[in-house]
């Protein structure tokens, strides 16, 4: 457990030194995923680096919490990468954004097998980035994506594949140069 926590800390803090001339954000994210019979929650540790006044790149490590509202109950880890485009030039202010992400997740279906199933979920998102006191941020967004199963079926049902609505809420701390 200590090893995985140290990897998360390194993953979130190390990029700060690489992008010290641009703002960098680190925090947590709550992600819901709704599809046909599919209703899951993911939590994430995330980082976001602003490459210019209008764009940013993000990455995060997710953990899927088991849901009793889905037919197939699963848990698992994931990794996502994303890009966001701001509709204003305000790096140090509030702004609407649109973007895209791709999530790679390994899900283990409880009670069925110890093998993980690989799922890839690309999605488009739109939201609003709020900045408070030049250091704290909150960014609600809503997206639409499609989950594609890339491995053998390990006792999951068909609700794992297909389109889904993906609302999310991220919050955390901003490191300004």
Protein backbone atom coordinates (compact mmCIF):
# COMPACT_ATOMS: atom_id res chain seq x y z
CA UNK A 1 0.00 0.00 0.00
CA UNK A 2 2.86 2.40 0.82
CA UNK A 3 4.42 1.74 -2.57
CA UNK A 4 1.26 2.62 -4.49
CA UNK A 5 0.78 5.84 -2.48
CA UNK A 6 4.36 6.89 -3.19
CA UNK A 7 3.82 6.28 -6.92
CA UNK A 8 0.76 8.53 -6.85
CA UNK A 9 2.69 11.28 -5.05
CA UNK A 10 5.55 11.04 -7.57
CA UNK A 11 3.06 11.03 -10.47
CA UNK A 12 1.41 14.23 -9.23
CA UNK A 13 4.39 16.21 -7.87
CA UNK A 14 7.17 15.41 -10.38
CA UNK A 15 5.47 17.18 -13.34
CA UNK A 16 5.38 20.39 -11.28
CA UNK A 17 9.14 20.76 -11.67
CA UNK A 18 8.94 19.97 -15.39
CA UNK A 19 6.35 22.64 -16.11
CA UNK A 20 7.34 25.24 -13.53
CA UNK A 21 6.93 28.15 -15.97
CA UNK A 22 3.27 27.34 -16.59
CA UNK A 23 0.42 26.80 -14.10
CA UNK A 24 -0.03 23.21 -12.94
CA UNK A 25 -2.99 21.77 -11.05
CA UNK A 26 -3.20 18.70 -8.89
CA UNK A 27 -6.23 17.31 -7.12
CA UNK A 28 -8.95 14.72 -6.99
CA UNK A 29 -11.82 13.90 -9.32
CA UNK A 30 -15.18 12.19 -8.97
CA UNK A 31 -16.41 10.55 -12.21
CA UNK A 32 -19.82 8.89 -12.79
CA UNK A 33 -20.61 6.74 -15.80
CA UNK A 34 -24.18 6.01 -16.92
CA UNK A 35 -25.03 3.63 -19.76
CA UNK A 36 -27.54 0.91 -20.54
CA UNK A 37 -27.67 -0.94 -17.22
CA UNK A 38 -24.27 0.52 -16.36
CA UNK A 39 -23.91 2.87 -13.39
CA UNK A 40 -20.39 3.12 -11.97
CA UNK A 41 -18.37 5.57 -9.91
CA UNK A 42 -14.67 6.28 -10.28
CA UNK A 43 -12.41 8.40 -8.10
CA UNK A 44 -9.15 9.76 -9.45
CA UNK A 45 -5.92 11.50 -8.52
CA UNK A 46 -5.22 13.93 -11.34
CA UNK A 47 -2.76 16.48 -12.64
CA UNK A 48 -3.24 19.12 -15.32
CA UNK A 49 -0.58 21.21 -17.05
CA UNK A 50 -1.42 24.36 -18.99
CA UNK A 51 0.64 24.53 -22.16
CA UNK A 52 -0.70 27.91 -23.33
CA UNK A 53 -3.40 30.39 -22.42
CA UNK A 54 -6.03 28.29 -24.20
CA UNK A 55 -5.07 24.63 -23.77
CA UNK A 56 -4.11 22.11 -21.12
CA UNK A 57 -3.16 18.45 -20.86
CA UNK A 58 -4.29 16.20 -18.03
CA UNK A 59 -3.55 12.73 -16.70
CA UNK A 60 -5.00 10.74 -13.87
CA UNK A 61 -5.08 7.43 -12.07
CA UNK A 62 -8.59 6.11 -11.40
CA UNK A 63 -10.07 3.56 -9.06
CA UNK A 64 -13.49 2.13 -9.83
CA UNK A 65 -15.79 1.64 -6.87
CA UNK A 66 -18.20 -1.30 -7.02
CA UNK A 67 -21.81 -0.39 -7.77
CA UNK A 68 -24.80 -2.39 -6.60
CA UNK A 69 -26.95 -0.69 -9.28
CA UNK A 70 -25.19 -2.48 -12.16
CA UNK A 71 -25.75 -6.04 -13.30
CA UNK A 72 -21.99 -6.77 -13.34
CA UNK A 73 -20.25 -5.67 -10.16
CA UNK A 74 -16.60 -4.84 -10.76
CA UNK A 75 -13.65 -2.97 -9.30
CA UNK A 76 -10.48 -1.86 -10.98
CA UNK A 77 -7.74 0.62 -11.73
CA UNK A 78 -7.42 2.88 -14.72
CA UNK A 79 -5.30 5.55 -16.33
CA UNK A 80 -6.53 8.46 -18.44
CA UNK A 81 -5.03 11.19 -20.59
CA UNK A 82 -6.85 14.27 -21.79
CA UNK A 83 -6.77 17.59 -23.58
CA UNK A 84 -8.87 20.68 -22.82
CA UNK A 85 -9.37 23.82 -24.87
CA UNK A 86 -10.47 27.00 -23.08
CA UNK A 87 -12.86 29.42 -24.78
CA UNK A 88 -11.19 32.42 -23.09
CA UNK A 89 -7.61 33.63 -22.71
CA UNK A 90 -7.86 33.68 -18.91
CA UNK A 91 -5.28 31.27 -17.51
CA UNK A 92 -5.76 32.88 -14.10
CA UNK A 93 -9.54 33.17 -14.18
CA UNK A 94 -12.81 31.31 -14.71
CA UNK A 95 -13.46 29.88 -18.15
CA UNK A 96 -15.62 27.40 -20.08
CA UNK A 97 -13.82 24.53 -21.80
CA UNK A 98 -14.27 21.61 -24.17
CA UNK A 99 -11.99 18.64 -24.44
CA UNK A 100 -11.42 14.95 -24.96
CA UNK A 101 -10.07 12.12 -22.82
CA UNK A 102 -9.22 8.49 -23.21
CA UNK A 103 -9.48 6.10 -20.27
CA UNK A 104 -7.75 2.72 -20.10
CA UNK A 105 -9.27 0.63 -17.31
CA UNK A 106 -8.68 -2.88 -15.99
CA UNK A 107 -11.82 -4.17 -14.31
CA UNK A 108 -12.11 -7.29 -12.19
CA UNK A 109 -15.63 -8.70 -11.98
CA UNK A 110 -16.24 -9.71 -8.37
CA UNK A 111 -16.86 -13.34 -7.58
CA UNK A 112 -16.34 -14.42 -11.18
CA UNK A 113 -12.63 -14.48 -11.93
CA UNK A 114 -9.30 -13.02 -10.90
CA UNK A 115 -8.53 -12.00 -14.50
CA UNK A 116 -8.94 -8.35 -15.44
CA UNK A 117 -10.85 -7.14 -18.48
CA UNK A 118 -9.36 -4.25 -20.47
CA UNK A 119 -11.78 -1.46 -21.39
CA UNK A 120 -10.97 1.68 -23.38
CA UNK A 121 -13.32 4.65 -23.11
CA UNK A 122 -12.74 7.72 -25.31
CA UNK A 123 -15.03 10.63 -24.45
CA UNK A 124 -15.67 14.28 -25.29
CA UNK A 125 -16.45 16.70 -22.47
CA UNK A 126 -17.55 20.27 -21.84
CA UNK A 127 -17.48 22.16 -18.57
CA UNK A 128 -16.48 25.22 -16.63
CA UNK A 129 -13.22 25.83 -14.76
CA UNK A 130 -13.58 27.97 -11.60
CA UNK A 131 -10.50 29.44 -9.92
CA UNK A 132 -10.66 30.74 -6.33
CA UNK A 133 -8.00 32.96 -4.70
CA UNK A 134 -5.61 32.16 -7.62
CA UNK A 135 -4.78 28.81 -5.97
CA UNK A 136 -7.85 26.56 -5.69
CA UNK A 137 -9.92 25.20 -8.54
CA UNK A 138 -13.20 23.38 -9.14
CA UNK A 139 -14.11 22.08 -12.59
CA UNK A 140 -17.50 20.43 -13.17
CA UNK A 141 -17.99 18.84 -16.60
CA UNK A 142 -20.27 16.51 -18.50
CA UNK A 143 -19.20 14.22 -21.31
CA UNK A 144 -20.33 11.53 -23.67
CA UNK A 145 -18.21 8.52 -24.54
CA UNK A 146 -18.21 4.95 -25.74
CA UNK A 147 -16.65 2.03 -23.85
CA UNK A 148 -15.02 -0.69 -25.90
CA UNK A 149 -14.03 -4.05 -24.39
CA UNK A 150 -10.62 -5.22 -25.65
CA UNK A 151 -10.18 -8.49 -23.82
CA UNK A 152 -12.00 -11.77 -23.35
CA UNK A 153 -15.35 -11.69 -21.64
CA UNK A 154 -14.71 -12.49 -17.98
CA UNK A 155 -18.29 -12.98 -16.83
CA UNK A 156 -19.47 -9.44 -17.47
CA UNK A 157 -22.74 -8.66 -19.19
CA UNK A 158 -23.36 -6.56 -22.30
CA UNK A 159 -23.95 -3.34 -20.35
CA UNK A 160 -20.16 -2.88 -20.13
CA UNK A 161 -19.92 -1.96 -23.83
CA UNK A 162 -21.53 1.02 -25.50
CA UNK A 163 -22.29 4.69 -25.11
CA UNK A 164 -22.48 6.45 -21.79
CA UNK A 165 -22.93 9.86 -20.23
CA UNK A 166 -19.99 10.81 -18.00
CA UNK A 167 -20.40 13.73 -15.56
CA UNK A 168 -17.39 14.60 -13.40
CA UNK A 169 -16.24 17.04 -10.75
CA UNK A 170 -12.58 17.81 -10.09
CA UNK A 171 -11.12 20.02 -7.38
CA UNK A 172 -7.69 20.78 -6.02
CA UNK A 173 -4.74 23.13 -5.78
CA UNK A 174 -3.03 25.20 -8.48
CA UNK A 175 0.72 25.84 -8.53
CA UNK A 176 1.37 29.20 -10.22
CA UNK A 177 4.84 30.17 -11.50
